Amino acid sequence: MTRIGESWRNAFRDIVLIVVSIIIAFMLDAWWDGRQETHRVSRHFDALRHEFQEEMTSLRADRTRINKAIRATRALLTVMGTSQDQSFSDSVTFLLNASYDVGVYASHGGALSALLSSGDIRLIEDDSLTYLLARWPARLGVLNADNEILTASREQELRMRLIALGIPESSIAAHLTDLNIPKTRFTFDPNRILGDAGVESMLVSRLIRLLLLRGEVDAAAADAEQVVARLERLR
């Protein structure tokens, strides 16, 4: 009986040692996985912080260009329907180019793409930050779609209207000295543009779209600022 009891005690001890060893192994594995995840998230945060800081700078520059286009479009609208002498032609071409030469293109960048594609966004414990990052591609999608409409309006609406009015595009593009466009022999009468109701309608539509685009840029910049602020708190 003594030998049997001792055998049971030894077996129980061995079982306890095996169970404890397994538990310790699982704990060490979980600790290591947690450490690896923490390190991975930290790397994501560093890359995201840099990426969104650059995006904020880019969006501020975009807003400056959009404001310039808005001012030029408003200035043109104030003189539409008036009659000006030939010396005003340079002002018209300058304002037209300032109104139409604006573009915004934003990308969610490599750091956010890596975070979203890897599924590591689930490791972020800040729900507000997770929400901001998850909706960023959709935010930029709207922004880029509005920009494409503005770009298309120059290539389609403005060019076709200039052709219909018999206005040489080389007169409008004369300021692009780096392209070395030959000087036109056609006379550009600014009143062909100022007296055209179709051009005025195009400018009104453009002003509305520029204002909408500026709103989208402001919203994206505000989101980017929140992302950077939350990432700073998580350092």
Protein backbone atom coordinates (compact mmCIF):
# COMPACT_ATOMS: atom_id res chain seq x y z
CA MET A 1 0.00 0.00 0.00
CA THR A 2 2.87 2.32 0.83
CA ARG A 3 4.42 1.69 -2.58
CA ILE A 4 1.07 2.25 -4.29
CA GLY A 5 0.53 5.55 -2.44
CA GLU A 6 4.00 6.70 -3.28
CA SER A 7 3.42 5.81 -6.95
CA TRP A 8 0.20 7.84 -7.00
CA ARG A 9 1.95 10.77 -5.37
CA ASN A 10 4.73 10.64 -7.94
CA ALA A 11 2.22 10.43 -10.77
CA PHE A 12 0.23 13.34 -9.37
CA ARG A 13 3.43 15.36 -8.97
CA ASP A 14 4.41 14.62 -12.56
CA ILE A 15 0.96 15.61 -13.81
CA VAL A 16 1.09 18.87 -11.83
CA LEU A 17 4.56 19.62 -13.20
CA ILE A 18 3.41 18.93 -16.76
CA VAL A 19 0.30 21.11 -16.35
CA VAL A 20 2.29 23.94 -14.77
CA SER A 21 4.91 23.68 -17.54
CA ILE A 22 2.19 23.90 -20.20
CA ILE A 23 0.57 26.88 -18.46
CA ILE A 24 3.94 28.64 -18.19
CA ALA A 25 4.64 27.90 -21.86
CA PHE A 26 1.28 29.35 -22.85
CA MET A 27 1.88 32.40 -20.67
CA LEU A 28 5.32 32.96 -22.16
CA ASP A 29 3.93 32.51 -25.67
CA ALA A 30 1.11 34.97 -24.96
CA TRP A 31 3.57 37.43 -23.43
CA TRP A 32 5.84 37.18 -26.45
CA ASP A 33 2.92 37.56 -28.88
CA GLY A 34 1.71 40.59 -26.93
CA ARG A 35 5.17 42.10 -27.00
CA GLN A 36 5.43 41.51 -30.74
CA GLU A 37 2.00 43.05 -31.31
CA THR A 38 2.91 46.07 -29.19
CA HIS A 39 6.12 46.53 -31.17
CA ARG A 40 4.24 46.14 -34.47
CA VAL A 41 1.58 48.67 -33.45
CA SER A 42 4.30 51.08 -32.33
CA ARG A 43 5.93 50.86 -35.77
CA HIS A 44 2.54 51.48 -37.41
CA PHE A 45 2.00 54.53 -35.20
CA ASP A 46 5.39 56.04 -36.05
CA ALA A 47 4.79 55.61 -39.78
CA LEU A 48 1.21 56.90 -39.55
CA ARG A 49 2.28 59.96 -37.58
CA HIS A 50 4.80 60.92 -40.25
CA GLU A 51 2.36 60.16 -43.07
CA PHE A 52 -0.51 62.20 -41.66
CA GLN A 53 1.73 65.14 -40.77
CA GLU A 54 2.78 65.27 -44.41
CA GLU A 55 -0.87 64.97 -45.46
CA MET A 56 -1.79 67.94 -43.25
CA THR A 57 0.91 70.05 -44.90
CA SER A 58 -0.28 69.01 -48.36
CA LEU A 59 -3.93 69.74 -47.57
CA ARG A 60 -3.07 73.21 -46.26
CA ALA A 61 -1.24 73.95 -49.52
CA ASP A 62 -4.24 72.64 -51.47
CA ARG A 63 -6.54 74.95 -49.53
CA THR A 64 -4.34 77.94 -50.38
CA ARG A 65 -4.54 77.10 -54.11
CA ILE A 66 -8.30 76.57 -53.92
CA ASN A 67 -8.76 79.94 -52.19
CA LYS A 68 -6.75 81.57 -54.97
CA ALA A 69 -9.03 79.94 -57.55
CA ILE A 70 -12.13 81.04 -55.63
CA ARG A 71 -10.93 84.65 -55.52
CA ALA A 72 -10.15 84.61 -59.25
CA THR A 73 -13.54 83.09 -60.10
CA ARG A 74 -15.37 85.67 -57.99
CA ALA A 75 -13.34 88.47 -59.61
CA LEU A 76 -14.33 87.24 -63.07
CA LEU A 77 -18.00 87.00 -62.12
CA THR A 78 -18.00 90.62 -60.93
CA VAL A 79 -16.99 91.85 -64.41
CA MET A 80 -19.14 89.44 -66.46
CA GLY A 81 -21.65 91.34 -68.55
CA THR A 82 -19.50 94.47 -68.68
CA SER A 83 -17.57 95.90 -71.60
CA GLN A 84 -13.82 96.36 -71.25
CA ASP A 85 -11.15 97.68 -73.57
CA GLN A 86 -8.40 95.56 -75.12
CA SER A 87 -5.99 96.25 -72.26
CA PHE A 88 -8.19 94.13 -69.99
CA SER A 89 -7.42 90.97 -71.96
CA ASP A 90 -4.38 90.13 -69.81
CA SER A 91 -6.52 90.37 -66.66
CA VAL A 92 -9.13 88.04 -68.13
CA THR A 93 -6.58 85.40 -69.13
CA PHE A 94 -4.85 85.67 -65.74
CA LEU A 95 -8.12 85.22 -63.83
CA LEU A 96 -9.26 82.35 -66.06
CA ASN A 97 -6.03 80.48 -65.52
CA ALA A 98 -6.10 81.17 -61.79
CA SER A 99 -9.66 79.82 -61.65
CA TYR A 100 -8.98 76.67 -63.64
CA ASP A 101 -5.38 75.85 -62.74
CA VAL A 102 -6.13 74.11 -59.47
CA GLY A 103 -5.95 70.45 -58.59
CA VAL A 104 -6.06 68.31 -55.49
CA TYR A 105 -4.97 64.72 -55.25
CA ALA A 106 -4.67 62.90 -51.94
CA SER A 107 -3.54 59.35 -51.24
CA HIS A 108 -3.94 57.34 -48.04
CA GLY A 109 -0.26 56.38 -48.32
CA GLY A 110 1.74 53.26 -47.66
CA ALA A 111 1.57 53.26 -43.87
CA LEU A 112 -2.22 53.27 -43.72
CA SER A 113 -2.45 50.77 -46.58
CA ALA A 114 -0.15 48.40 -44.69
CA LEU A 115 -2.18 48.80 -41.50
CA LEU A 116 -5.50 48.14 -43.21
CA SER A 117 -4.31 45.25 -45.38
CA SER A 118 -2.56 43.48 -42.48
CA GLY A 119 -5.61 43.68 -40.22
CA ASP A 120 -3.50 45.21 -37.46
CA ILE A 121 -6.04 48.02 -37.13
CA ARG A 122 -7.88 45.66 -34.73
CA LEU A 123 -4.95 46.01 -32.32
CA ILE A 124 -5.57 49.74 -31.84
CA GLU A 125 -7.34 50.27 -28.53
CA ASP A 126 -8.41 53.85 -29.28
CA ASP A 127 -11.86 53.50 -30.91
CA SER A 128 -11.91 57.09 -32.16
CA LEU A 129 -8.54 56.65 -33.84
CA THR A 130 -9.66 53.36 -35.39
CA TYR A 131 -12.76 55.07 -36.78
CA LEU A 132 -10.78 57.98 -38.23
CA LEU A 133 -8.27 55.67 -39.91
CA ALA A 134 -10.94 53.32 -41.26
CA ARG A 135 -12.92 56.11 -42.91
CA TRP A 136 -9.88 57.98 -44.28
CA PRO A 137 -9.90 56.18 -47.68
CA ALA A 138 -13.59 57.08 -48.15
CA ARG A 139 -12.87 60.68 -47.16
CA LEU A 140 -10.13 60.94 -49.78
CA GLY A 141 -12.29 59.16 -52.34
CA VAL A 142 -14.87 61.96 -52.17
CA LEU A 143 -12.11 64.57 -52.29
CA ASN A 144 -10.49 63.05 -55.38
CA ALA A 145 -13.85 62.59 -57.11
CA ASP A 146 -14.66 66.31 -56.69
CA ASN A 147 -11.21 67.17 -57.99
CA GLU A 148 -11.71 65.00 -61.09
CA ILE A 149 -14.87 66.93 -61.91
CA LEU A 150 -12.97 70.22 -61.68
CA THR A 151 -10.19 68.89 -63.89
CA ALA A 152 -12.64 67.60 -66.47
CA SER A 153 -14.41 70.97 -66.61
CA ARG A 154 -11.29 72.60 -67.98
CA GLU A 155 -10.62 69.87 -70.51
CA GLN A 156 -14.21 69.71 -71.72
CA GLU A 157 -16.39 72.70 -70.84
CA LEU A 158 -13.88 75.57 -71.03
CA ARG A 159 -12.02 74.36 -74.11
CA MET A 160 -15.21 73.68 -76.04
CA ARG A 161 -16.65 77.06 -75.05
CA LEU A 162 -13.51 78.87 -76.19
CA ILE A 163 -13.74 77.09 -79.53
CA ALA A 164 -17.41 78.03 -79.89
CA LEU A 165 -16.59 81.69 -79.18
CA GLY A 166 -13.68 81.67 -81.62
CA ILE A 167 -11.15 82.46 -78.89
CA PRO A 168 -7.64 81.08 -79.50
CA GLU A 169 -6.55 78.94 -76.57
CA SER A 170 -3.00 80.10 -77.15
CA SER A 171 -4.11 83.51 -75.85
CA ILE A 172 -5.34 81.95 -72.62
CA ALA A 173 -2.20 79.83 -72.27
CA ALA A 174 0.22 82.63 -73.11
CA HIS A 175 1.44 82.78 -69.51
CA LEU A 176 2.81 79.22 -69.76
CA THR A 177 6.22 80.43 -70.89
CA ASP A 178 7.93 77.14 -70.05
CA LEU A 179 5.90 75.41 -72.79
CA ASN A 180 7.13 77.88 -75.42
CA ILE A 181 3.74 78.07 -77.15
CA PRO A 182 3.94 80.10 -80.40
CA LYS A 183 2.31 83.51 -80.17
CA THR A 184 -1.10 83.61 -81.79
CA ARG A 185 -1.87 85.88 -84.74
CA PHE A 186 -5.52 85.99 -83.77
CA THR A 187 -6.83 88.93 -81.79
CA PHE A 188 -8.25 88.12 -78.39
CA ASP A 189 -11.21 90.33 -77.53
CA PRO A 190 -11.91 89.97 -73.76
CA ASN A 191 -15.52 91.03 -74.31
CA ARG A 192 -16.20 87.74 -76.11
CA ILE A 193 -15.80 86.07 -72.73
CA LEU A 194 -17.22 88.85 -70.56
CA GLY A 195 -20.35 89.12 -72.71
CA ASP A 196 -21.08 85.39 -72.87
CA ALA A 197 -23.79 84.04 -70.58
CA GLY A 198 -22.51 80.50 -71.12
CA VAL A 199 -19.11 81.37 -69.64
CA GLU A 200 -20.83 83.04 -66.70
CA SER A 201 -22.85 79.88 -66.05
CA MET A 202 -19.66 77.82 -66.17
CA LEU A 203 -17.99 80.14 -63.67
CA VAL A 204 -20.93 80.00 -61.27
CA SER A 205 -20.90 76.20 -61.43
CA ARG A 206 -17.15 76.21 -60.92
CA LEU A 207 -17.38 78.53 -57.92
CA ILE A 208 -19.90 76.20 -56.28
CA ARG A 209 -17.66 73.18 -56.88
CA LEU A 210 -14.60 75.01 -55.61
CA LEU A 211 -16.44 75.88 -52.40
CA LEU A 212 -17.54 72.26 -52.01
CA LEU A 213 -13.99 71.05 -52.66
CA ARG A 214 -12.64 73.47 -50.06
CA GLY A 215 -15.12 72.06 -47.58
CA GLU A 216 -13.90 68.53 -48.31
CA VAL A 217 -10.27 69.65 -47.93
CA ASP A 218 -11.08 71.31 -44.59
CA ALA A 219 -12.84 68.16 -43.36
CA ALA A 220 -9.92 65.95 -44.43
CA ALA A 221 -7.42 68.32 -42.79
CA ALA A 222 -9.44 68.26 -39.56
CA ASP A 223 -9.45 64.45 -39.58
CA ALA A 224 -5.71 64.34 -40.26
CA GLU A 225 -5.11 66.73 -37.37
CA GLN A 226 -7.16 64.53 -35.02
CA VAL A 227 -5.26 61.44 -36.14
CA VAL A 228 -1.90 63.09 -35.44
CA ALA A 229 -3.10 64.39 -32.04
CA ARG A 230 -4.31 60.93 -30.97
CA LEU A 231 -1.12 59.27 -32.19
CA GLU A 232 0.92 61.77 -30.18
CA ARG A 233 -1.04 60.86 -27.03
CA LEU A 234 -0.36 57.17 -27.65
CA ARG A 235 3.42 57.55 -27.90
